[in-house]
N, C-alpha and C. Protein backbone atom coordinates (compact mmCIF):
# COMPACT_ATOMS: atom_id res chain seq x y z
N MET A 1 13.64 19.77 6.18
CA MET A 1 14.52 20.71 6.67
C MET A 1 15.75 20.92 5.83
N LYS A 2 16.41 22.05 6.01
CA LYS A 2 17.45 22.46 5.10
C LYS A 2 18.66 21.56 5.00
N LEU A 3 18.95 20.92 6.19
CA LEU A 3 20.18 20.04 6.27
C LEU A 3 19.82 18.70 6.86
N GLU A 4 20.41 17.67 6.18
CA GLU A 4 20.33 16.38 6.75
C GLU A 4 20.98 16.36 8.17
N HIS A 5 20.43 15.56 9.07
CA HIS A 5 20.93 15.61 10.39
C HIS A 5 20.56 14.43 11.26
N LEU A 6 21.27 14.26 12.36
CA LEU A 6 20.94 13.26 13.37
C LEU A 6 20.50 13.98 14.61
N VAL A 7 19.71 13.32 15.40
CA VAL A 7 19.12 13.91 16.63
C VAL A 7 19.28 13.01 17.80
N ARG A 8 19.74 13.58 18.99
CA ARG A 8 19.59 12.98 20.29
C ARG A 8 18.62 13.69 21.03
N GLN A 9 17.49 13.06 21.41
CA GLN A 9 16.50 13.76 22.23
C GLN A 9 17.09 14.04 23.61
N PRO A 10 16.64 15.04 24.26
CA PRO A 10 17.16 15.32 25.69
C PRO A 10 16.73 14.13 26.53
N LEU A 11 17.59 13.76 27.48
CA LEU A 11 17.25 12.60 28.42
C LEU A 11 16.60 13.22 29.65
N VAL A 12 16.75 14.52 29.89
CA VAL A 12 15.96 15.22 30.92
C VAL A 12 14.99 16.05 30.18
N LYS A 13 13.76 15.80 30.33
CA LYS A 13 12.68 16.42 29.58
C LYS A 13 12.32 17.83 30.08
N THR A 14 12.21 18.83 29.27
CA THR A 14 11.73 20.12 29.58
C THR A 14 10.85 20.60 28.48
N ALA A 15 10.08 21.69 28.70
CA ALA A 15 9.17 22.16 27.72
C ALA A 15 9.91 22.71 26.50
N GLN A 16 10.96 23.38 26.70
CA GLN A 16 11.86 23.99 25.70
C GLN A 16 13.27 23.67 26.03
N PRO A 17 13.79 22.49 25.55
CA PRO A 17 15.13 22.11 25.82
C PRO A 17 16.19 22.98 25.17
N PRO A 18 17.32 23.17 25.78
CA PRO A 18 18.41 23.94 25.11
C PRO A 18 18.90 23.12 23.90
N LEU A 19 19.41 23.84 22.88
CA LEU A 19 19.84 23.18 21.59
C LEU A 19 21.33 23.19 21.69
N LEU A 20 21.92 22.04 21.23
CA LEU A 20 23.37 21.96 20.98
C LEU A 20 23.51 21.48 19.52
N LEU A 21 24.05 22.31 18.63
CA LEU A 21 24.25 22.02 17.22
C LEU A 21 25.63 21.66 16.99
N LEU A 22 25.95 20.40 16.37
CA LEU A 22 27.20 20.03 15.97
C LEU A 22 27.48 20.28 14.56
N LEU A 23 28.67 20.79 14.17
CA LEU A 23 29.05 21.16 12.82
C LEU A 23 30.43 20.51 12.65
N HIS A 24 30.39 19.60 11.78
CA HIS A 24 31.65 18.73 11.44
C HIS A 24 32.67 19.41 10.57
N GLY A 25 33.75 18.89 10.38
CA GLY A 25 34.83 19.46 9.58
C GLY A 25 34.73 18.91 8.16
N TYR A 26 35.67 19.42 7.47
CA TYR A 26 35.88 19.30 5.98
C TYR A 26 36.11 17.74 5.68
N GLY A 27 35.24 17.22 4.79
CA GLY A 27 35.42 15.83 4.37
C GLY A 27 34.80 14.78 5.39
N SER A 28 34.05 15.25 6.33
CA SER A 28 33.51 14.44 7.23
C SER A 28 31.96 14.44 7.08
N ASP A 29 31.25 13.97 8.10
CA ASP A 29 29.75 13.96 7.98
C ASP A 29 29.11 14.09 9.41
N GLU A 30 27.81 13.97 9.46
CA GLU A 30 27.11 14.16 10.74
C GLU A 30 27.31 13.04 11.73
N GLU A 31 27.87 11.91 11.27
CA GLU A 31 28.21 10.84 12.24
C GLU A 31 29.33 11.07 13.10
N ASP A 32 30.23 11.94 12.60
CA ASP A 32 31.58 12.21 13.30
C ASP A 32 31.39 12.77 14.73
N LEU A 33 31.01 13.93 14.86
CA LEU A 33 30.85 14.50 16.18
C LEU A 33 29.71 13.92 16.98
N PHE A 34 28.71 13.32 16.26
CA PHE A 34 27.64 12.65 16.91
C PHE A 34 28.06 11.43 17.72
N SER A 35 29.29 10.91 17.42
CA SER A 35 29.75 9.76 18.13
C SER A 35 29.99 10.04 19.62
N PHE A 36 30.16 11.23 20.03
CA PHE A 36 30.29 11.57 21.36
C PHE A 36 29.01 12.23 21.97
N ALA A 37 27.89 12.20 21.38
CA ALA A 37 26.70 12.79 21.86
C ALA A 37 26.30 12.32 23.15
N SER A 38 26.48 10.90 23.37
CA SER A 38 25.97 10.28 24.56
C SER A 38 26.76 10.81 25.84
N GLU A 39 27.86 11.48 25.63
CA GLU A 39 28.71 11.97 26.76
C GLU A 39 28.35 13.41 27.04
N LEU A 40 27.52 14.10 26.17
CA LEU A 40 27.21 15.48 26.45
C LEU A 40 26.01 15.61 27.40
N PRO A 41 25.82 16.84 27.93
CA PRO A 41 24.91 16.98 28.99
C PRO A 41 23.47 16.51 28.54
N GLN A 42 22.72 15.96 29.55
CA GLN A 42 21.52 15.15 29.28
C GLN A 42 20.38 16.07 28.89
N GLU A 43 20.43 17.35 29.35
CA GLU A 43 19.24 18.30 29.15
C GLU A 43 19.17 18.80 27.68
N TYR A 44 20.25 18.65 26.91
CA TYR A 44 20.24 19.15 25.51
C TYR A 44 19.55 18.35 24.54
N LEU A 45 18.76 19.00 23.56
CA LEU A 45 18.49 18.37 22.38
C LEU A 45 19.77 18.50 21.48
N ILE A 46 20.29 17.49 21.00
CA ILE A 46 21.52 17.52 20.17
C ILE A 46 21.21 17.22 18.70
N VAL A 47 21.65 18.13 17.92
CA VAL A 47 21.44 17.94 16.39
C VAL A 47 22.87 17.97 15.78
N SER A 48 23.17 16.95 15.02
CA SER A 48 24.41 16.98 14.26
C SER A 48 24.14 17.04 12.74
N ALA A 49 24.53 18.19 12.18
CA ALA A 49 24.14 18.55 10.77
C ALA A 49 25.20 18.03 9.77
N ARG A 50 24.70 17.67 8.62
CA ARG A 50 25.60 17.22 7.48
C ARG A 50 25.85 18.47 6.57
N ALA A 51 27.05 18.82 6.30
CA ALA A 51 27.33 19.82 5.39
C ALA A 51 26.75 19.71 4.03
N PRO A 52 26.39 20.76 3.23
CA PRO A 52 25.62 20.71 2.10
C PRO A 52 26.45 20.23 0.80
N ILE A 53 27.72 20.24 0.83
CA ILE A 53 28.44 20.00 -0.40
C ILE A 53 29.00 18.61 -0.33
N PRO A 54 28.55 17.63 -1.18
CA PRO A 54 29.07 16.32 -1.10
C PRO A 54 30.44 16.22 -1.76
N MET A 55 31.34 15.40 -1.25
CA MET A 55 32.67 15.21 -1.72
C MET A 55 32.86 13.77 -2.28
N GLN A 56 33.86 13.64 -3.13
CA GLN A 56 34.20 12.24 -3.65
C GLN A 56 35.43 11.81 -3.03
N PRO A 57 35.58 10.55 -2.65
CA PRO A 57 34.52 9.45 -2.80
C PRO A 57 33.53 9.52 -1.64
N TYR A 58 33.83 10.28 -0.58
CA TYR A 58 32.83 10.30 0.58
C TYR A 58 33.06 11.56 1.31
N GLY A 59 32.20 11.85 2.26
CA GLY A 59 32.30 13.05 3.10
C GLY A 59 31.60 14.33 2.50
N ASN A 60 31.61 15.35 3.32
CA ASN A 60 30.94 16.47 2.85
C ASN A 60 31.67 17.78 3.32
N ALA A 61 31.41 18.94 2.73
CA ALA A 61 32.12 20.21 3.10
C ALA A 61 31.13 21.26 3.20
N TRP A 62 31.50 22.25 4.07
CA TRP A 62 30.67 23.50 4.15
C TRP A 62 31.10 24.47 3.05
N TYR A 63 32.31 24.37 2.54
CA TYR A 63 32.74 25.13 1.37
C TYR A 63 34.08 24.46 0.85
N ALA A 64 34.40 24.88 -0.38
CA ALA A 64 35.65 24.29 -0.95
C ALA A 64 36.81 24.94 -0.40
N ILE A 65 37.91 24.22 -0.36
CA ILE A 65 39.21 24.73 0.18
C ILE A 65 40.26 24.68 -0.89
N ASN A 66 41.06 25.63 -1.06
CA ASN A 66 42.29 25.65 -2.00
C ASN A 66 43.42 25.26 -1.12
N PHE A 67 43.95 24.14 -1.14
CA PHE A 67 45.05 23.68 -0.25
C PHE A 67 46.41 24.26 -0.62
N ASP A 68 46.50 24.90 -1.85
CA ASP A 68 47.76 25.38 -2.31
C ASP A 68 47.93 26.91 -1.92
N ALA A 69 46.97 27.47 -1.38
CA ALA A 69 47.02 28.93 -1.20
C ALA A 69 47.37 29.36 0.29
N ASP A 70 47.66 30.68 0.40
CA ASP A 70 47.90 31.15 1.77
C ASP A 70 46.60 31.36 2.53
N GLU A 71 46.73 31.83 3.67
CA GLU A 71 45.55 32.02 4.64
C GLU A 71 44.50 32.78 4.02
N ASN A 72 44.81 33.85 3.29
CA ASN A 72 43.82 34.79 2.84
C ASN A 72 42.97 34.20 1.60
N LYS A 73 43.54 33.14 1.02
CA LYS A 73 42.86 32.53 -0.14
C LYS A 73 42.46 31.06 0.18
N PHE A 74 42.39 30.76 1.43
CA PHE A 74 42.12 29.36 1.78
C PHE A 74 40.64 28.89 1.50
N THR A 75 39.78 29.88 1.55
CA THR A 75 38.35 29.68 1.60
C THR A 75 37.61 29.99 0.35
N ASN A 76 36.71 29.21 -0.11
CA ASN A 76 35.71 29.64 -1.15
C ASN A 76 34.72 30.56 -0.38
N THR A 77 34.95 31.77 -0.42
CA THR A 77 34.21 32.73 0.44
C THR A 77 32.69 32.73 0.15
N GLU A 78 32.37 32.65 -1.15
CA GLU A 78 30.90 32.62 -1.48
C GLU A 78 30.19 31.45 -0.85
N GLN A 79 30.88 30.21 -1.00
CA GLN A 79 30.20 29.02 -0.44
C GLN A 79 30.25 29.09 1.08
N ALA A 80 31.18 29.68 1.73
CA ALA A 80 31.28 29.76 3.14
C ALA A 80 30.10 30.61 3.68
N ILE A 81 29.87 31.82 3.00
CA ILE A 81 28.88 32.74 3.39
C ILE A 81 27.51 32.06 3.17
N ALA A 82 27.36 31.32 2.08
CA ALA A 82 26.12 30.58 1.82
C ALA A 82 25.79 29.54 2.96
N SER A 83 26.87 28.91 3.39
CA SER A 83 26.72 27.89 4.46
C SER A 83 26.43 28.63 5.83
N ARG A 84 27.03 29.72 6.00
CA ARG A 84 26.73 30.48 7.25
C ARG A 84 25.27 30.84 7.39
N ASP A 85 24.75 31.36 6.29
CA ASP A 85 23.26 31.71 6.32
C ASP A 85 22.42 30.48 6.30
N LEU A 86 22.90 29.34 5.69
CA LEU A 86 22.15 28.17 5.71
C LEU A 86 22.05 27.62 7.19
N ILE A 87 23.12 27.62 7.86
CA ILE A 87 23.13 27.23 9.35
C ILE A 87 22.20 28.13 10.18
N ALA A 88 22.28 29.50 9.90
CA ALA A 88 21.44 30.37 10.60
C ALA A 88 19.90 30.09 10.43
N ASP A 89 19.62 29.76 9.20
CA ASP A 89 18.16 29.43 8.94
C ASP A 89 17.79 28.07 9.50
N PHE A 90 18.78 27.13 9.45
CA PHE A 90 18.59 25.79 10.00
C PHE A 90 18.30 25.89 11.55
N ILE A 91 18.91 26.78 12.21
CA ILE A 91 18.65 26.95 13.67
C ILE A 91 17.17 27.28 13.91
N ASP A 92 16.64 28.25 13.07
CA ASP A 92 15.27 28.62 13.23
C ASP A 92 14.37 27.40 12.89
N GLU A 93 14.72 26.63 11.94
CA GLU A 93 13.96 25.38 11.60
C GLU A 93 13.89 24.34 12.71
N ILE A 94 15.10 24.22 13.41
CA ILE A 94 15.13 23.30 14.54
C ILE A 94 14.19 23.81 15.63
N HIS A 95 14.17 25.08 15.91
CA HIS A 95 13.35 25.59 17.02
C HIS A 95 11.88 25.31 16.61
N GLN A 96 11.50 25.43 15.45
CA GLN A 96 10.06 25.25 14.93
C GLN A 96 9.74 23.77 15.04
N HIS A 97 10.70 22.97 14.54
CA HIS A 97 10.41 21.54 14.45
C HIS A 97 10.45 20.79 15.69
N TYR A 98 11.49 21.16 16.56
CA TYR A 98 11.78 20.37 17.79
C TYR A 98 11.52 21.13 19.10
N SER A 99 10.85 22.34 18.95
CA SER A 99 10.47 23.14 20.16
C SER A 99 11.59 23.41 21.11
N THR A 100 12.75 23.74 20.59
CA THR A 100 13.98 24.05 21.43
C THR A 100 13.85 25.46 21.83
N HIS A 101 14.67 25.78 22.92
CA HIS A 101 14.64 27.10 23.49
C HIS A 101 15.36 28.14 22.57
N PRO A 102 14.71 29.22 22.11
CA PRO A 102 15.41 30.08 21.06
C PRO A 102 16.56 30.87 21.69
N LYS A 103 16.59 31.03 23.09
CA LYS A 103 17.68 31.75 23.63
C LYS A 103 18.84 30.85 24.30
N GLN A 104 18.74 29.60 24.03
CA GLN A 104 19.68 28.68 24.69
C GLN A 104 20.30 27.76 23.44
N VAL A 105 21.12 28.33 22.71
CA VAL A 105 21.72 27.65 21.53
C VAL A 105 23.34 27.64 21.60
N THR A 106 23.81 26.43 21.64
CA THR A 106 25.26 26.18 21.65
C THR A 106 25.62 25.55 20.32
N LEU A 107 26.69 26.11 19.75
CA LEU A 107 27.32 25.55 18.54
C LEU A 107 28.69 24.90 18.93
N ILE A 108 28.81 23.65 18.54
CA ILE A 108 30.12 22.99 18.70
C ILE A 108 30.61 22.69 17.28
N GLY A 109 31.66 23.35 16.90
CA GLY A 109 32.21 23.17 15.57
C GLY A 109 33.66 22.62 15.63
N PHE A 110 33.96 21.66 14.67
CA PHE A 110 35.33 21.18 14.53
C PHE A 110 35.95 21.60 13.21
N SER A 111 37.11 22.31 13.24
CA SER A 111 37.83 22.65 12.03
C SER A 111 36.95 23.59 11.15
N GLN A 112 36.51 23.16 9.93
CA GLN A 112 35.68 24.01 9.11
C GLN A 112 34.34 24.26 9.87
N GLY A 113 33.87 23.32 10.64
CA GLY A 113 32.63 23.58 11.45
C GLY A 113 32.87 24.68 12.49
N ALA A 114 34.12 24.79 13.01
CA ALA A 114 34.44 25.81 14.01
C ALA A 114 34.49 27.23 13.33
N ILE A 115 35.08 27.24 12.09
CA ILE A 115 35.05 28.49 11.35
C ILE A 115 33.77 29.01 11.08
N LEU A 116 32.78 28.08 10.75
CA LEU A 116 31.40 28.48 10.45
C LEU A 116 30.73 28.89 11.78
N SER A 117 31.06 28.23 12.86
CA SER A 117 30.43 28.52 14.17
C SER A 117 30.73 29.98 14.56
N TYR A 118 32.08 30.44 14.40
CA TYR A 118 32.37 31.79 14.61
C TYR A 118 31.52 32.72 13.76
N ALA A 119 31.50 32.42 12.41
CA ALA A 119 30.75 33.29 11.48
C ALA A 119 29.21 33.38 11.82
N VAL A 120 28.62 32.27 12.19
CA VAL A 120 27.20 32.25 12.46
C VAL A 120 26.97 33.11 13.75
N ALA A 121 27.82 32.94 14.79
CA ALA A 121 27.62 33.51 16.07
C ALA A 121 27.76 35.01 16.01
N LEU A 122 28.91 35.58 15.26
CA LEU A 122 29.14 36.87 15.23
C LEU A 122 28.28 37.65 14.22
N SER A 123 27.80 36.88 13.21
CA SER A 123 26.84 37.49 12.31
C SER A 123 25.35 37.58 12.75
N TYR A 124 25.05 36.58 13.69
CA TYR A 124 23.72 36.45 14.08
C TYR A 124 23.75 36.14 15.64
N PRO A 125 24.27 37.01 16.46
CA PRO A 125 24.38 36.75 17.79
C PRO A 125 23.02 36.58 18.60
N GLU A 126 21.97 37.06 17.94
CA GLU A 126 20.62 36.87 18.54
C GLU A 126 20.18 35.33 18.41
N LYS A 127 20.85 34.63 17.53
CA LYS A 127 20.47 33.18 17.41
C LYS A 127 21.32 32.25 18.24
N VAL A 128 22.45 32.62 18.74
CA VAL A 128 23.45 31.79 19.40
C VAL A 128 23.86 32.44 20.70
N ASN A 129 24.05 31.59 21.80
CA ASN A 129 24.65 32.25 23.01
C ASN A 129 25.93 31.70 23.44
N ARG A 130 26.29 30.40 22.92
CA ARG A 130 27.61 29.90 23.25
C ARG A 130 28.13 29.12 22.00
N VAL A 131 29.52 29.21 21.96
CA VAL A 131 30.30 28.58 20.84
C VAL A 131 31.46 27.80 21.44
N VAL A 132 31.60 26.59 20.97
CA VAL A 132 32.76 25.83 21.24
C VAL A 132 33.48 25.59 19.90
N ALA A 133 34.65 26.32 19.83
CA ALA A 133 35.43 26.30 18.48
C ALA A 133 36.55 25.42 18.59
N LEU A 134 36.55 24.31 18.04
CA LEU A 134 37.59 23.28 18.13
C LEU A 134 38.41 23.20 16.88
N SER A 135 39.69 23.51 17.03
CA SER A 135 40.65 23.33 15.86
C SER A 135 40.28 24.20 14.70
N GLY A 136 39.84 25.35 14.82
CA GLY A 136 39.45 26.25 13.73
C GLY A 136 40.09 27.65 13.86
N TYR A 137 39.53 28.59 13.20
CA TYR A 137 40.05 30.02 13.26
C TYR A 137 38.89 30.95 12.94
N LEU A 138 39.10 32.24 13.20
CA LEU A 138 38.06 33.17 12.93
C LEU A 138 38.41 33.89 11.57
N ASN A 139 37.53 33.73 10.63
CA ASN A 139 37.74 34.29 9.34
C ASN A 139 36.81 35.49 9.12
N LYS A 140 37.35 36.77 9.25
CA LYS A 140 36.54 37.88 9.26
C LYS A 140 35.84 38.01 7.87
N GLU A 141 36.46 37.45 6.83
CA GLU A 141 35.86 37.60 5.42
C GLU A 141 34.55 36.96 5.29
N ILE A 142 34.11 36.15 6.10
CA ILE A 142 32.85 35.43 5.97
C ILE A 142 31.82 35.93 7.09
N LEU A 143 32.12 37.01 7.72
CA LEU A 143 31.22 37.59 8.63
C LEU A 143 30.30 38.62 7.84
N LYS A 144 29.08 38.78 8.37
CA LYS A 144 28.19 39.74 7.74
C LYS A 144 28.90 41.18 7.75
N GLU A 145 28.71 41.94 6.67
CA GLU A 145 29.48 43.17 6.50
C GLU A 145 29.19 44.15 7.61
N ASP A 146 28.00 44.04 8.23
CA ASP A 146 27.66 45.09 9.26
C ASP A 146 27.61 44.39 10.67
N TYR A 147 28.49 43.36 10.74
CA TYR A 147 28.44 42.59 12.06
C TYR A 147 28.85 43.45 13.24
N LEU A 148 29.63 44.55 13.04
CA LEU A 148 30.12 45.26 14.14
C LEU A 148 28.94 46.10 14.87
N LYS A 149 27.84 46.12 14.22
CA LYS A 149 26.60 46.76 14.82
C LYS A 149 25.87 45.84 15.77
N ASN A 150 26.33 44.60 15.78
CA ASN A 150 25.59 43.60 16.67
C ASN A 150 25.81 43.78 18.08
N ASP A 151 24.89 43.17 18.87
CA ASP A 151 25.09 43.10 20.33
C ASP A 151 25.62 41.79 20.67
N PHE A 152 26.88 41.78 21.13
CA PHE A 152 27.53 40.59 21.40
C PHE A 152 27.47 40.11 22.89
N THR A 153 26.67 40.78 23.68
CA THR A 153 26.69 40.71 25.15
C THR A 153 26.41 39.28 25.59
N PRO A 154 25.50 38.54 24.87
CA PRO A 154 25.17 37.18 25.35
C PRO A 154 26.16 36.12 25.00
N LEU A 155 27.20 36.47 24.20
CA LEU A 155 28.02 35.42 23.65
C LEU A 155 29.11 34.94 24.47
N GLN A 156 29.27 33.60 24.63
CA GLN A 156 30.40 32.99 25.37
C GLN A 156 31.10 32.14 24.40
N PHE A 157 32.46 32.08 24.44
CA PHE A 157 33.21 31.29 23.54
C PHE A 157 34.18 30.36 24.33
N PHE A 158 34.31 29.09 23.96
CA PHE A 158 35.43 28.24 24.35
C PHE A 158 36.13 27.83 23.16
N ILE A 159 37.51 28.25 23.09
CA ILE A 159 38.24 28.00 21.94
C ILE A 159 39.38 27.07 22.23
N SER A 160 39.62 26.13 21.56
CA SER A 160 40.80 25.18 21.72
C SER A 160 41.47 24.80 20.39
N HIS A 161 42.73 24.41 20.62
CA HIS A 161 43.55 24.09 19.43
C HIS A 161 44.74 23.20 19.87
N GLY A 162 45.06 22.30 18.96
CA GLY A 162 46.25 21.50 19.28
C GLY A 162 47.53 22.26 18.98
N SER A 163 48.62 22.15 19.78
CA SER A 163 49.77 22.90 19.62
C SER A 163 50.60 22.47 18.46
N VAL A 164 50.33 21.24 17.92
CA VAL A 164 51.12 20.72 16.81
C VAL A 164 50.11 20.37 15.68
N ASP A 165 49.07 21.19 15.57
CA ASP A 165 48.00 20.99 14.52
C ASP A 165 48.68 21.12 13.13
N GLN A 166 48.65 20.10 12.27
CA GLN A 166 49.31 20.11 11.00
C GLN A 166 48.33 20.58 9.87
N VAL A 167 47.04 20.80 10.23
CA VAL A 167 46.08 21.26 9.20
C VAL A 167 45.76 22.73 9.22
N ILE A 168 45.47 23.18 10.44
CA ILE A 168 45.25 24.66 10.61
C ILE A 168 46.34 25.08 11.65
N PRO A 169 47.25 25.94 11.36
CA PRO A 169 48.28 26.33 12.08
C PRO A 169 47.79 27.05 13.38
N ILE A 170 48.43 26.69 14.52
CA ILE A 170 47.95 27.25 15.79
C ILE A 170 47.99 28.77 15.79
N GLU A 171 48.91 29.36 14.98
CA GLU A 171 49.06 30.86 14.91
C GLU A 171 47.70 31.48 14.41
N TRP A 172 46.99 30.70 13.57
CA TRP A 172 45.71 31.23 13.03
C TRP A 172 44.71 31.28 14.18
N ALA A 173 44.67 30.20 14.99
CA ALA A 173 43.68 30.12 16.14
C ALA A 173 44.04 31.16 17.13
N GLN A 174 45.33 31.49 17.36
CA GLN A 174 45.74 32.35 18.42
C GLN A 174 45.26 33.81 18.22
N LYS A 175 44.77 34.15 16.96
CA LYS A 175 44.31 35.50 16.66
C LYS A 175 42.96 35.79 17.26
N ALA A 176 42.17 34.76 17.36
CA ALA A 176 40.74 34.87 17.77
C ALA A 176 40.48 35.63 19.13
N PRO A 177 41.18 35.22 20.13
CA PRO A 177 40.86 35.91 21.47
C PRO A 177 40.94 37.42 21.46
N ALA A 178 41.98 37.96 20.85
CA ALA A 178 42.10 39.46 20.71
C ALA A 178 40.94 40.06 19.94
N ILE A 179 40.57 39.37 18.80
CA ILE A 179 39.45 39.88 18.05
C ILE A 179 38.13 39.96 18.79
N LEU A 180 38.03 38.81 19.57
CA LEU A 180 36.71 38.79 20.37
C LEU A 180 36.71 39.76 21.54
N GLN A 181 37.90 39.90 22.11
CA GLN A 181 38.01 40.83 23.29
C GLN A 181 37.69 42.28 22.82
N ASN A 182 38.08 42.59 21.60
CA ASN A 182 37.77 43.93 20.98
C ASN A 182 36.26 44.13 20.74
N LEU A 183 35.59 43.02 20.76
CA LEU A 183 34.08 43.06 20.60
C LEU A 183 33.35 43.08 21.99
N GLY A 184 34.18 42.99 23.02
CA GLY A 184 33.58 42.91 24.36
C GLY A 184 33.39 41.56 24.87
N ILE A 185 33.87 40.51 24.13
CA ILE A 185 33.70 39.14 24.53
C ILE A 185 34.96 38.58 25.20
N GLN A 186 34.77 37.92 26.38
CA GLN A 186 35.97 37.35 27.06
C GLN A 186 35.98 35.86 26.89
N PRO A 187 36.63 35.32 25.85
CA PRO A 187 36.71 33.92 25.58
C PRO A 187 37.57 33.12 26.48
N ILE A 188 37.27 31.83 26.62
CA ILE A 188 38.16 30.94 27.18
C ILE A 188 38.98 30.37 26.07
N TYR A 189 40.37 30.42 26.16
CA TYR A 189 41.17 29.88 25.16
C TYR A 189 42.17 28.96 25.72
N LYS A 190 42.24 27.81 25.10
CA LYS A 190 43.14 26.76 25.59
C LYS A 190 43.93 25.98 24.50
N GLU A 191 45.15 25.65 24.72
CA GLU A 191 46.01 24.83 23.79
C GLU A 191 46.27 23.46 24.38
N TYR A 192 46.37 22.45 23.58
CA TYR A 192 46.72 21.18 24.07
C TYR A 192 47.77 20.50 23.31
N PRO A 193 48.50 19.55 23.83
CA PRO A 193 49.56 18.85 23.06
C PRO A 193 48.98 17.78 22.02
N ALA A 194 48.43 18.30 21.02
CA ALA A 194 47.74 17.42 20.08
C ALA A 194 47.85 18.04 18.67
N GLY A 195 47.53 17.19 17.71
CA GLY A 195 47.44 17.59 16.33
C GLY A 195 46.02 18.08 15.94
N HIS A 196 45.51 17.85 14.84
CA HIS A 196 44.19 18.21 14.32
C HIS A 196 43.16 17.24 14.93
N GLY A 197 42.87 17.35 16.14
CA GLY A 197 41.96 16.45 16.76
C GLY A 197 41.59 16.99 18.13
N ILE A 198 40.82 16.17 18.90
CA ILE A 198 40.37 16.61 20.19
C ILE A 198 41.08 15.78 21.28
N HIS A 199 41.90 16.41 22.02
CA HIS A 199 42.71 15.87 23.14
C HIS A 199 41.71 15.51 24.26
N PRO A 200 41.95 14.40 25.05
CA PRO A 200 41.03 14.00 26.04
C PRO A 200 40.75 15.11 27.15
N GLN A 201 41.88 15.89 27.44
CA GLN A 201 41.69 16.99 28.43
C GLN A 201 40.84 18.01 27.73
N ASN A 202 40.97 18.30 26.46
CA ASN A 202 40.16 19.20 25.71
C ASN A 202 38.69 18.86 25.87
N PHE A 203 38.31 17.62 25.69
CA PHE A 203 36.98 17.13 25.85
C PHE A 203 36.44 17.36 27.25
N LYS A 204 37.21 17.11 28.18
CA LYS A 204 36.79 17.34 29.62
C LYS A 204 36.59 18.84 29.89
N ASP A 205 37.46 19.68 29.27
CA ASP A 205 37.26 21.08 29.57
C ASP A 205 36.04 21.74 28.77
N LEU A 206 35.79 21.13 27.68
CA LEU A 206 34.52 21.69 26.96
C LEU A 206 33.21 21.19 27.70
N LEU A 207 33.32 19.92 28.26
CA LEU A 207 32.14 19.51 29.12
C LEU A 207 31.87 20.49 30.29
N ASP A 208 33.10 20.90 30.89
CA ASP A 208 33.02 21.83 32.00
C ASP A 208 32.39 23.17 31.59
N PHE A 209 32.85 23.59 30.39
CA PHE A 209 32.28 24.86 29.85
C PHE A 209 30.74 24.70 29.65
N LEU A 210 30.35 23.57 29.07
CA LEU A 210 28.88 23.38 28.90
C LEU A 210 28.08 23.36 30.14
N SER A 211 28.72 22.83 31.18
CA SER A 211 28.10 22.69 32.48
C SER A 211 28.15 23.96 33.32
N GLY A 212 28.82 25.04 32.76
CA GLY A 212 29.02 26.24 33.52
C GLY A 212 30.03 26.33 34.59
N ASN A 213 30.95 25.27 34.59
CA ASN A 213 31.95 25.17 35.54
C ASN A 213 33.30 25.91 35.23
């Protein structure tokens, strides 16, 4: 398969289990978000993917980052677009390999993984129906050029950010709800008294979102 990954089989067996795909942040790996897989809903097949670009001395990235630039030059756009399409193809591979439900796909992305989750869902909404975007932002530059032609009707978003995030400014995250609303999507947006991480109440709220509460 296209990406190295970890899997938690569904604890509640169905013919075509829903898929929950975890996408880690810059400099991390597939073990990171997988650490809370045991707390996620039992009916999901959970896949935690490793980003394709190895870093030194450890960790991986979905694309290179220029830490000295401003928001518009923060991303290696070519690498980000390549990873966007790699994830989209990987979703198809998962369905084929693990017999997951093609219309029940949730992406949970943290930081760089959240940025890619936005990009995959808005570029290929037929492949995704729910997104949990943790501590990231919506980068229009890495969306497919013709994304506005897409049908976004099935998409649901849960967006969260730490109010004192020192890595990705909260102002960047705050732009996403209006962009999504202009596409006809009504996201859930929440802020927490936290830095670049997942606040305990944030985790509880995302579980409620996954459970449809």
